[in-house]
Amino acid sequence: MKVFDKENNVIDVTPKKNLGKFIGVGIAVFFIALVLINSIKIIPAGKTGVVMTMGKVSDNVMQEGLNFKIPFFQTVAVINNKICVVEVDAAAVSKDLQSVSSKIAVNYRIAYNSSASLYKNIGNDYQNVILLPAVQESMKSISARYTAEELITKRNQVGEEIKELLESKVSEYGFVIEKFNIVNFDFSVEFNTAIEAKQVAEQNLIKTKTEQEQAIVVAEAEAKKKVIAAEAEAEAITKKAEAQAKANERLNSSLSNTIVEYEKVQKWDGKLPQATGSSSIIDMRTSN
């Protein structure tokens, strides 16, 4: 087909036809690319994709990696299944009616097979809707079973009980509690003052008891020293007496009758013994 101008000259319209073709091809390529882009969904590691077809949540979830979906009709909500950490400030009352403020750290994750149901029933705000209120409730419930002092002295036991109760409350939604820590307990100023006074009294008592025990040990040591010294002295006296007795025994056995008579003569003063009778005094020297 030829096109003429006012002067009957032929006008070439071929470039305009080619331009139209290029535009058409460009639109087709753009549409195809858009379809392809909307057909592909890449799920990062540690996450799952909840598929929704025209707003309806599917029970099947996309696993990490490259996935395909129906373009324009399906959308994907990504759920984080990695371990997450949340810190909670919780308030409670102990068994003895002491106010307890605590900071709790919870390590949790969402089970892969629970991603779809959790998103369907709760949505993406599952932490604030389910987990945090459950932590508060569990803390209050368990704290009411213990006195304020027991919450301190039995901290590990209290933490385990809170974790068990928390798991029973959130496991049905797909929460997996990996770790539960009571970071800090805080009480009223009056209670803290009373605890400090009690600790000081206990320390003083321990110090006094220790000093008394040390004094007893020293006294026992001194008494033992005296006993040992007395026993040693008595043993020495006994040994000395035994030695003297043995010496006397040896001396007695070595003495003869002659020596005895000799000793008598040495000790005689030259006077004879006198005997007194009814008639006269006998002079032993005359008779001799």
C-alpha atoms as a PDB file:
ATOM      1  CA  MET A   1       0.000   0.000   0.000  1.00  0.00           C
ATOM      2  CA  LYS A   2       1.323   3.375  -1.087  1.00  0.00           C
ATOM      3  CA  VAL A   3       0.706   6.650   0.684  1.00  0.00           C
ATOM      4  CA  PHE A   4       0.733   9.958  -1.305  1.00  0.00           C
ATOM      5  CA  ASP A   5       1.114  13.464  -0.031  1.00  0.00           C
ATOM      6  CA  LYS A   6      -0.729  16.569  -1.378  1.00  0.00           C
ATOM      7  CA  GLU A   7       1.624  16.776  -4.311  1.00  0.00           C
ATOM      8  CA  ASN A   8       1.044  13.109  -5.170  1.00  0.00           C
ATOM      9  CA  ASN A   9       4.481  12.092  -3.921  1.00  0.00           C
ATOM     10  CA  VAL A  10       4.797   8.583  -2.450  1.00  0.00           C
ATOM     11  CA  ILE A  11       5.451   8.490   1.306  1.00  0.00           C
ATOM     12  CA  ASP A  12       7.475   5.563   2.747  1.00  0.00           C
ATOM     13  CA  VAL A  13       5.883   4.289   5.938  1.00  0.00           C
ATOM     14  CA  THR A  14       8.038   1.172   6.435  1.00  0.00           C
ATOM     15  CA  PRO A  15      10.050   2.493   9.468  1.00  0.00           C
ATOM     16  CA  LYS A  16       6.864   3.271  11.324  1.00  0.00           C
ATOM     17  CA  LYS A  17       5.696  -0.272  10.789  1.00  0.00           C
ATOM     18  CA  ASN A  18       8.993  -1.640  12.169  1.00  0.00           C
ATOM     19  CA  LEU A  19       8.749   0.657  15.204  1.00  0.00           C
ATOM     20  CA  GLY A  20       5.317  -0.692  15.956  1.00  0.00           C
ATOM     21  CA  LYS A  21       6.636  -4.209  15.781  1.00  0.00           C
ATOM     22  CA  PHE A  22       9.452  -3.369  18.194  1.00  0.00           C
ATOM     23  CA  ILE A  23       7.010  -1.868  20.665  1.00  0.00           C
ATOM     24  CA  GLY A  24       4.811  -4.940  20.450  1.00  0.00           C
ATOM     25  CA  VAL A  25       7.745  -7.249  21.008  1.00  0.00           C
ATOM     26  CA  GLY A  26       8.910  -5.140  23.948  1.00  0.00           C
ATOM     27  CA  ILE A  27       5.506  -5.321  25.574  1.00  0.00           C
ATOM     28  CA  ALA A  28       5.402  -9.076  25.060  1.00  0.00           C
ATOM     29  CA  VAL A  29       8.865  -9.518  26.564  1.00  0.00           C
ATOM     30  CA  PHE A  30       7.972  -7.316  29.517  1.00  0.00           C
ATOM     31  CA  PHE A  31       4.804  -9.288  30.131  1.00  0.00           C
ATOM     32  CA  ILE A  32       6.644 -12.604  29.899  1.00  0.00           C
ATOM     33  CA  ALA A  33       9.338 -11.342  32.272  1.00  0.00           C
ATOM     34  CA  LEU A  34       6.688 -10.137  34.685  1.00  0.00           C
ATOM     35  CA  VAL A  35       5.011 -13.524  34.561  1.00  0.00           C
ATOM     36  CA  LEU A  36       8.299 -15.301  35.168  1.00  0.00           C
ATOM     37  CA  ILE A  37       9.215 -13.023  38.045  1.00  0.00           C
ATOM     38  CA  ASN A  38       5.847 -13.605  39.663  1.00  0.00           C
ATOM     39  CA  SER A  39       6.199 -17.347  39.106  1.00  0.00           C
ATOM     40  CA  ILE A  40       9.427 -17.637  41.115  1.00  0.00           C
ATOM     41  CA  LYS A  41       9.829 -17.343  44.888  1.00  0.00           C
ATOM     42  CA  ILE A  42      13.173 -17.812  46.627  1.00  0.00           C
ATOM     43  CA  ILE A  43      12.884 -18.775  50.297  1.00  0.00           C
ATOM     44  CA  PRO A  44      15.983 -17.902  52.393  1.00  0.00           C
ATOM     45  CA  ALA A  45      17.712 -20.491  54.589  1.00  0.00           C
ATOM     46  CA  GLY A  46      16.022 -21.150  57.913  1.00  0.00           C
ATOM     47  CA  LYS A  47      12.641 -19.922  56.706  1.00  0.00           C
ATOM     48  CA  THR A  48       9.469 -21.294  55.113  1.00  0.00           C
ATOM     49  CA  GLY A  49       6.962 -19.783  52.727  1.00  0.00           C
ATOM     50  CA  VAL A  50       3.245 -19.887  53.446  1.00  0.00           C
ATOM     51  CA  VAL A  51       1.360 -19.986  50.118  1.00  0.00           C
ATOM     52  CA  MET A  52      -1.916 -18.112  49.740  1.00  0.00           C
ATOM     53  CA  THR A  53      -4.107 -18.576  46.671  1.00  0.00           C
ATOM     54  CA  MET A  54      -6.458 -15.648  46.255  1.00  0.00           C
ATOM     55  CA  GLY A  55      -6.086 -15.012  49.991  1.00  0.00           C
ATOM     56  CA  LYS A  56      -6.697 -18.625  51.051  1.00  0.00           C
ATOM     57  CA  VAL A  57      -3.853 -20.136  53.094  1.00  0.00           C
ATOM     58  CA  SER A  58      -2.545 -23.448  51.797  1.00  0.00           C
ATOM     59  CA  ASP A  59      -1.492 -26.231  54.145  1.00  0.00           C
ATOM     60  CA  ASN A  60       1.595 -26.818  52.023  1.00  0.00           C
ATOM     61  CA  VAL A  61       4.566 -24.556  52.674  1.00  0.00           C
ATOM     62  CA  MET A  62       7.555 -23.715  50.511  1.00  0.00           C
ATOM     63  CA  GLN A  63      10.903 -24.905  51.765  1.00  0.00           C
ATOM     64  CA  GLU A  64      14.105 -22.894  51.540  1.00  0.00           C
ATOM     65  CA  GLY A  65      15.496 -22.453  48.046  1.00  0.00           C
ATOM     66  CA  LEU A  66      13.863 -21.901  44.613  1.00  0.00           C
ATOM     67  CA  ASN A  67      10.088 -22.408  44.446  1.00  0.00           C
ATOM     68  CA  PHE A  68       7.398 -21.781  41.820  1.00  0.00           C
ATOM     69  CA  LYS A  69       3.904 -20.335  42.234  1.00  0.00           C
ATOM     70  CA  ILE A  70       0.976 -19.275  40.084  1.00  0.00           C
ATOM     71  CA  PRO A  71       1.692 -15.678  39.052  1.00  0.00           C
ATOM     72  CA  PHE A  72      -0.758 -12.981  40.117  1.00  0.00           C
ATOM     73  CA  PHE A  73      -2.980 -15.551  41.865  1.00  0.00           C
ATOM     74  CA  GLN A  74      -0.656 -16.781  44.604  1.00  0.00           C
ATOM     75  CA  THR A  75       1.304 -14.809  47.192  1.00  0.00           C
ATOM     76  CA  VAL A  76       3.830 -16.066  49.724  1.00  0.00           C
ATOM     77  CA  ALA A  77       4.337 -14.996  53.363  1.00  0.00           C
ATOM     78  CA  VAL A  78       7.799 -15.830  54.699  1.00  0.00           C
ATOM     79  CA  ILE A  79       7.958 -17.280  58.235  1.00  0.00           C
ATOM     80  CA  ASN A  80      11.228 -17.235  60.185  1.00  0.00           C
ATOM     81  CA  ASN A  81      12.034 -20.683  61.607  1.00  0.00           C
ATOM     82  CA  LYS A  82      15.432 -19.752  63.027  1.00  0.00           C
ATOM     83  CA  ILE A  83      16.068 -19.481  66.749  1.00  0.00           C
ATOM     84  CA  CYS A  84      15.004 -16.056  67.963  1.00  0.00           C
ATOM     85  CA  VAL A  85      15.713 -14.349  71.281  1.00  0.00           C
ATOM     86  CA  VAL A  86      13.206 -12.172  73.085  1.00  0.00           C
ATOM     87  CA  GLU A  87      13.681 -10.412  76.433  1.00  0.00           C
ATOM     88  CA  VAL A  88      10.636  -9.810  78.588  1.00  0.00           C
ATOM     89  CA  ASP A  89      10.164  -7.618  81.667  1.00  0.00           C
ATOM     90  CA  ALA A  90       7.775  -9.562  83.885  1.00  0.00           C
ATOM     91  CA  ALA A  91       6.068  -8.564  87.126  1.00  0.00           C
ATOM     92  CA  ALA A  92       4.728 -11.016  89.707  1.00  0.00           C
ATOM     93  CA  VAL A  93       3.974 -11.521  93.408  1.00  0.00           C
ATOM     94  CA  SER A  94       5.697 -14.148  95.547  1.00  0.00           C
ATOM     95  CA  LYS A  95       4.052 -16.538  97.991  1.00  0.00           C
ATOM     96  CA  ASP A  96       4.823 -14.170 100.882  1.00  0.00           C
ATOM     97  CA  LEU A  97       3.263 -11.262  98.921  1.00  0.00           C
ATOM     98  CA  GLN A  98       6.531  -9.613  97.898  1.00  0.00           C
ATOM     99  CA  SER A  99       6.538  -7.732  94.587  1.00  0.00           C
ATOM    100  CA  VAL A 100       8.899  -9.364  92.097  1.00  0.00           C
ATOM    101  CA  SER A 101      10.243  -7.715  88.965  1.00  0.00           C
ATOM    102  CA  SER A 102      12.283  -9.865  86.634  1.00  0.00           C
ATOM    103  CA  LYS A 103      13.932  -9.817  83.231  1.00  0.00           C
ATOM    104  CA  ILE A 104      13.496 -13.036  81.264  1.00  0.00           C
ATOM    105  CA  ALA A 105      15.278 -14.137  78.099  1.00  0.00           C
ATOM    106  CA  VAL A 106      13.577 -16.758  75.919  1.00  0.00           C
ATOM    107  CA  ASN A 107      15.181 -18.548  72.972  1.00  0.00           C
ATOM    108  CA  TYR A 108      12.477 -19.960  70.714  1.00  0.00           C
ATOM    109  CA  ARG A 109      11.759 -21.034  67.149  1.00  0.00           C
ATOM    110  CA  ILE A 110       8.738 -21.899  65.028  1.00  0.00           C
ATOM    111  CA  ALA A 111       8.449 -25.531  63.926  1.00  0.00           C
ATOM    112  CA  TYR A 112       8.520 -25.926  60.125  1.00  0.00           C
ATOM    113  CA  ASN A 113       5.312 -27.949  60.015  1.00  0.00           C
ATOM    114  CA  SER A 114       3.471 -25.306  62.051  1.00  0.00           C
ATOM    115  CA  SER A 115       4.256 -22.309  59.842  1.00  0.00           C
ATOM    116  CA  ALA A 116       1.037 -22.474  57.798  1.00  0.00           C
ATOM    117  CA  SER A 117      -1.349 -22.968  60.729  1.00  0.00           C
ATOM    118  CA  LEU A 118       0.399 -20.292  62.806  1.00  0.00           C
ATOM    119  CA  TYR A 119       0.166 -17.745  59.994  1.00  0.00           C
ATOM    120  CA  LYS A 120      -3.417 -18.740  59.238  1.00  0.00           C
ATOM    121  CA  ASN A 121      -4.616 -18.424  62.833  1.00  0.00           C
ATOM    122  CA  ILE A 122      -2.332 -15.737  64.249  1.00  0.00           C
ATOM    123  CA  GLY A 123      -0.530 -13.917  61.450  1.00  0.00           C
ATOM    124  CA  ASN A 124       2.997 -12.508  61.510  1.00  0.00           C
ATOM    125  CA  ASP A 125       2.615 -10.881  64.948  1.00  0.00           C
ATOM    126  CA  TYR A 126       2.632 -14.264  66.722  1.00  0.00           C
ATOM    127  CA  GLN A 127       5.355 -13.208  69.185  1.00  0.00           C
ATOM    128  CA  ASN A 128       3.289 -10.389  70.707  1.00  0.00           C
ATOM    129  CA  VAL A 129      -0.005 -12.259  70.431  1.00  0.00           C
ATOM    130  CA  ILE A 130       1.028 -15.650  71.849  1.00  0.00           C
ATOM    131  CA  LEU A 131       4.531 -15.815  73.309  1.00  0.00           C
ATOM    132  CA  LEU A 132       4.883 -12.656  75.418  1.00  0.00           C
ATOM    133  CA  PRO A 133       1.533 -12.999  77.243  1.00  0.00           C
ATOM    134  CA  ALA A 134       2.329 -16.669  77.924  1.00  0.00           C
ATOM    135  CA  VAL A 135       5.684 -15.700  79.462  1.00  0.00           C
ATOM    136  CA  GLN A 136       3.991 -13.175  81.756  1.00  0.00           C
ATOM    137  CA  GLU A 137       1.328 -15.654  82.837  1.00  0.00           C
ATOM    138  CA  SER A 138       3.834 -18.457  83.474  1.00  0.00           C
ATOM    139  CA  MET A 139       6.053 -16.145  85.528  1.00  0.00           C
ATOM    140  CA  LYS A 140       3.154 -15.047  87.731  1.00  0.00           C
ATOM    141  CA  SER A 141       1.865 -18.585  88.210  1.00  0.00           C
ATOM    142  CA  ILE A 142       5.185 -20.102  89.300  1.00  0.00           C
ATOM    143  CA  SER A 143       6.337 -17.117  91.398  1.00  0.00           C
ATOM    144  CA  ALA A 144       3.195 -17.436  93.528  1.00  0.00           C
ATOM    145  CA  ARG A 145       4.378 -20.898  94.647  1.00  0.00           C
ATOM    146  CA  TYR A 146       7.614 -19.647  96.224  1.00  0.00           C
ATOM    147  CA  THR A 147       8.585 -17.088  98.830  1.00  0.00           C
ATOM    148  CA  ALA A 148      10.788 -14.207  97.731  1.00  0.00           C
ATOM    149  CA  GLU A 149      13.797 -15.772  99.405  1.00  0.00           C
ATOM    150  CA  GLU A 150      13.127 -19.131  97.701  1.00  0.00           C
ATOM    151  CA  LEU A 151      12.939 -17.401  94.323  1.00  0.00           C
ATOM    152  CA  ILE A 152      16.567 -16.412  94.906  1.00  0.00           C
ATOM    153  CA  THR A 153      17.898 -19.593  96.488  1.00  0.00           C
ATOM    154  CA  LYS A 154      16.006 -21.931  94.121  1.00  0.00           C
ATOM    155  CA  ARG A 155      16.442 -19.859  90.994  1.00  0.00           C
ATOM    156  CA  ASN A 156      17.334 -22.770  88.683  1.00  0.00           C
ATOM    157  CA  GLN A 157      14.383 -24.826  89.873  1.00  0.00           C
ATOM    158  CA  VAL A 158      12.024 -21.867  89.417  1.00  0.00           C
ATOM    159  CA  GLY A 159      13.373 -21.299  85.898  1.00  0.00           C
ATOM    160  CA  GLU A 160      12.794 -24.931  84.917  1.00  0.00           C
ATOM    161  CA  GLU A 161       9.225 -24.861  86.186  1.00  0.00           C
ATOM    162  CA  ILE A 162       8.454 -21.633  84.325  1.00  0.00           C
ATOM    163  CA  LYS A 163       9.921 -23.118  81.128  1.00  0.00           C
ATOM    164  CA  GLU A 164       7.803 -26.276  81.452  1.00  0.00           C
ATOM    165  CA  LEU A 165       4.637 -24.271  82.013  1.00  0.00           C
ATOM    166  CA  LEU A 166       5.472 -21.929  79.119  1.00  0.00           C
ATOM    167  CA  GLU A 167       6.048 -24.884  76.773  1.00  0.00           C
ATOM    168  CA  SER A 168       2.673 -26.350  77.672  1.00  0.00           C
ATOM    169  CA  LYS A 169       1.000 -23.057  76.773  1.00  0.00           C
ATOM    170  CA  VAL A 170       2.673 -22.315  73.421  1.00  0.00           C
ATOM    171  CA  SER A 171       3.631 -25.711  71.956  1.00  0.00           C
ATOM    172  CA  GLU A 172       0.193 -26.180  70.373  1.00  0.00           C
ATOM    173  CA  TYR A 173       0.830 -23.095  68.234  1.00  0.00           C
ATOM    174  CA  GLY A 174       4.162 -24.425  66.958  1.00  0.00           C
ATOM    175  CA  PHE A 175       6.528 -22.646  69.355  1.00  0.00           C
ATOM    176  CA  VAL A 176       9.584 -24.626  70.418  1.00  0.00           C
ATOM    177  CA  ILE A 177      11.273 -23.228  73.544  1.00  0.00           C
ATOM    178  CA  GLU A 178      14.992 -23.876  73.171  1.00  0.00           C
ATOM    179  CA  LYS A 179      16.213 -22.054  76.266  1.00  0.00           C
ATOM    180  CA  PHE A 180      14.754 -20.098  79.178  1.00  0.00           C
ATOM    181  CA  ASN A 181      16.807 -17.820  81.418  1.00  0.00           C
ATOM    182  CA  ILE A 182      15.888 -15.642  84.372  1.00  0.00           C
ATOM    183  CA  VAL A 183      18.338 -12.812  83.789  1.00  0.00           C
ATOM    184  CA  ASN A 184      17.514 -10.902  86.960  1.00  0.00           C
ATOM    185  CA  PHE A 185      15.228 -10.830  89.990  1.00  0.00           C
ATOM    186  CA  ASP A 186      14.456  -7.519  91.658  1.00  0.00           C
ATOM    187  CA  PHE A 187      12.413  -6.853  94.796  1.00  0.00           C
ATOM    188  CA  SER A 188      11.199  -3.870  96.773  1.00  0.00           C
ATOM    189  CA  VAL A 189      13.676  -1.621  98.590  1.00  0.00           C
ATOM    190  CA  GLU A 190      12.387  -2.808 101.972  1.00  0.00           C
ATOM    191  CA  PHE A 191      12.882  -6.451 101.079  1.00  0.00           C
ATOM    192  CA  ASN A 192      16.364  -5.854  99.685  1.00  0.00           C
ATOM    193  CA  THR A 193      17.289  -4.033 102.925  1.00  0.00           C
ATOM    194  CA  ALA A 194      15.962  -6.941 105.008  1.00  0.00           C
ATOM    195  CA  ILE A 195      17.899  -9.458 102.913  1.00  0.00           C
ATOM    196  CA  GLU A 196      21.086  -7.446 103.298  1.00  0.00           C
ATOM    197  CA  ALA A 197      20.613  -7.217 107.088  1.00  0.00           C
ATOM    198  CA  LYS A 198      20.012 -10.949 107.272  1.00  0.00           C
ATOM    199  CA  GLN A 199      23.139 -11.659 105.269  1.00  0.00           C
ATOM    200  CA  VAL A 200      25.185  -9.406 107.553  1.00  0.00           C
ATOM    201  CA  ALA A 201      23.785 -11.191 110.621  1.00  0.00           C
ATOM    202  CA  GLU A 202      24.565 -14.589 109.122  1.00  0.00           C
ATOM    203  CA  GLN A 203      28.102 -13.492 108.310  1.00  0.00           C
ATOM    204  CA  ASN A 204      28.591 -12.223 111.859  1.00  0.00           C
ATOM    205  CA  LEU A 205      27.218 -15.480 113.230  1.00  0.00           C
ATOM    206  CA  ILE A 206      29.577 -17.470 111.045  1.00  0.00           C
ATOM    207  CA  LYS A 207      32.481 -15.279 112.130  1.00  0.00           C
ATOM    208  CA  THR A 208      31.610 -15.696 115.831  1.00  0.00           C
ATOM    209  CA  LYS A 209      31.185 -19.433 115.430  1.00  0.00           C
ATOM    210  CA  THR A 210      34.497 -19.672 113.632  1.00  0.00           C
ATOM    211  CA  GLU A 211      36.259 -17.710 116.353  1.00  0.00           C
ATOM    212  CA  GLN A 212      34.695 -19.938 119.022  1.00  0.00           C
ATOM    213  CA  GLU A 213      35.755 -23.054 117.180  1.00  0.00           C
ATOM    214  CA  GLN A 214      39.269 -21.684 116.836  1.00  0.00           C
ATOM    215  CA  ALA A 215      39.375 -20.893 120.573  1.00  0.00           C
ATOM    216  CA  ILE A 216      38.205 -24.428 121.364  1.00  0.00           C
ATOM    217  CA  VAL A 217      40.865 -25.886 119.104  1.00  0.00           C
ATOM    218  CA  VAL A 218      43.561 -23.768 120.790  1.00  0.00           C
ATOM    219  CA  ALA A 219      42.319 -24.727 124.271  1.00  0.00           C
ATOM    220  CA  GLU A 220      42.211 -28.401 123.342  1.00  0.00           C
ATOM    221  CA  ALA A 221      45.725 -28.142 121.939  1.00  0.00           C
ATOM    222  CA  GLU A 222      47.001 -26.509 125.162  1.00  0.00           C
ATOM    223  CA  ALA A 223      45.224 -29.100 127.306  1.00  0.00           C
ATOM    224  CA  LYS A 224      46.690 -31.879 125.191  1.00  0.00           C
ATOM    225  CA  LYS A 225      50.145 -30.370 125.625  1.00  0.00           C
ATOM    226  CA  LYS A 226      49.703 -30.362 129.431  1.00  0.00           C
ATOM    227  CA  VAL A 227      48.474 -33.947 129.409  1.00  0.00           C
ATOM    228  CA  ILE A 228      51.427 -35.013 127.302  1.00  0.00           C
ATOM    229  CA  ALA A 229      53.832 -33.153 129.633  1.00  0.00           C
ATOM    230  CA  ALA A 230      52.247 -34.718 132.725  1.00  0.00           C
ATOM    231  CA  GLU A 231      52.371 -38.162 131.181  1.00  0.00           C
ATOM    232  CA  ALA A 232      56.006 -37.627 130.249  1.00  0.00           C
ATOM    233  CA  GLU A 233      56.863 -36.476 133.808  1.00  0.00           C
ATOM    234  CA  ALA A 234      55.027 -39.410 135.356  1.00  0.00           C
ATOM    235  CA  GLU A 235      56.765 -41.776 132.995  1.00  0.00           C
ATOM    236  CA  ALA A 236      60.110 -40.244 133.909  1.00  0.00           C
ATOM    237  CA  ILE A 237      59.407 -40.630 137.652  1.00  0.00           C
ATOM    238  CA  THR A 238      58.286 -44.202 137.108  1.00  0.00           C
ATOM    239  CA  LYS A 239      61.399 -45.032 135.131  1.00  0.00           C
ATOM    240  CA  LYS A 240      63.576 -43.389 137.801  1.00  0.00           C
ATOM    241  CA  ALA A 241      61.856 -45.371 140.568  1.00  0.00           C
ATOM    242  CA  GLU A 242      62.221 -48.575 138.594  1.00  0.00           C
ATOM    243  CA  ALA A 243      65.890 -47.844 138.019  1.00  0.00           C
ATOM    244  CA  GLN A 244      66.435 -47.157 141.753  1.00  0.00           C
ATOM    245  CA  ALA A 245      64.615 -50.344 142.702  1.00  0.00           C
ATOM    246  CA  LYS A 246      66.764 -52.354 140.329  1.00  0.00           C
ATOM    247  CA  ALA A 247      69.884 -50.713 141.742  1.00  0.00           C
ATOM    248  CA  ASN A 248      68.819 -51.526 145.317  1.00  0.00           C
ATOM    249  CA  GLU A 249      68.051 -55.061 144.279  1.00  0.00           C
ATOM    250  CA  ARG A 250      71.474 -55.453 142.743  1.00  0.00           C
ATOM    251  CA  LEU A 251      73.050 -53.912 145.892  1.00  0.00           C
ATOM    252  CA  ASN A 252      71.144 -56.208 148.231  1.00  0.00           C
ATOM    253  CA  SER A 253      72.097 -59.267 146.267  1.00  0.00           C
ATOM    254  CA  SER A 254      75.772 -58.270 146.369  1.00  0.00           C
ATOM    255  CA  LEU A 255      75.921 -57.767 150.179  1.00  0.00           C
ATOM    256  CA  SER A 256      77.414 -60.708 152.213  1.00  0.00           C
ATOM    257  CA  ASN A 257      77.052 -61.424 155.971  1.00  0.00           C
ATOM    258  CA  THR A 258      80.635 -60.367 156.562  1.00  0.00           C
ATOM    259  CA  ILE A 259      80.066 -56.981 155.035  1.00  0.00           C
ATOM    260  CA  VAL A 260      76.932 -56.542 157.116  1.00  0.00           C
ATOM    261  CA  GLU A 261      78.821 -57.365 160.332  1.00  0.00           C
ATOM    262  CA  TYR A 262      81.592 -55.027 159.259  1.00  0.00           C
ATOM    263  CA  GLU A 263      79.142 -52.215 158.820  1.00  0.00           C
ATOM    264  CA  LYS A 264      77.709 -52.907 162.280  1.00  0.00           C
ATOM    265  CA  VAL A 265      81.174 -52.717 163.867  1.00  0.00           C
ATOM    266  CA  GLN A 266      81.917 -49.491 162.034  1.00  0.00           C
ATOM    267  CA  LYS A 267      78.768 -47.940 163.383  1.00  0.00           C
ATOM    268  CA  TRP A 268      79.236 -49.295 167.073  1.00  0.00           C
ATOM    269  CA  ASP A 269      80.035 -46.584 169.652  1.00  0.00           C
ATOM    270  CA  GLY A 270      81.894 -48.924 172.080  1.00  0.00           C
ATOM    271  CA  LYS A 271      79.074 -49.240 174.591  1.00  0.00           C
ATOM    272  CA  LEU A 272      77.565 -52.580 175.405  1.00  0.00           C
ATOM    273  CA  PRO A 273      73.884 -52.914 175.805  1.00  0.00           C
ATOM    274  CA  GLN A 274      72.677 -53.154 179.404  1.00  0.00           C
ATOM    275  CA  ALA A 275      70.005 -55.454 180.749  1.00  0.00           C
ATOM    276  CA  THR A 276      67.989 -54.641 183.869  1.00  0.00           C
ATOM    277  CA  GLY A 277      66.935 -57.537 186.121  1.00  0.00           C
ATOM    278  CA  SER A 278      65.360 -58.021 189.562  1.00  0.00           C
ATOM    279  CA  SER A 279      68.667 -58.501 191.512  1.00  0.00           C
ATOM    280  CA  SER A 280      71.363 -56.496 189.790  1.00  0.00           C
ATOM    281  CA  ILE A 281      72.636 -54.859 186.698  1.00  0.00           C
ATOM    282  CA  ILE A 282      74.849 -57.213 184.743  1.00  0.00           C
ATOM    283  CA  ASP A 283      77.910 -55.622 183.269  1.00  0.00           C
ATOM    284  CA  MET A 284      78.450 -57.336 180.028  1.00  0.00           C
ATOM    285  CA  ARG A 285      81.985 -56.086 179.774  1.00  0.00           C
ATOM    286  CA  THR A 286      82.974 -57.797 183.173  1.00  0.00           C
ATOM    287  CA  SER A 287      81.561 -61.066 182.091  1.00  0.00           C
ATOM    288  CA  ASN A 288      83.509 -60.898 178.936  1.00  0.00           C
END
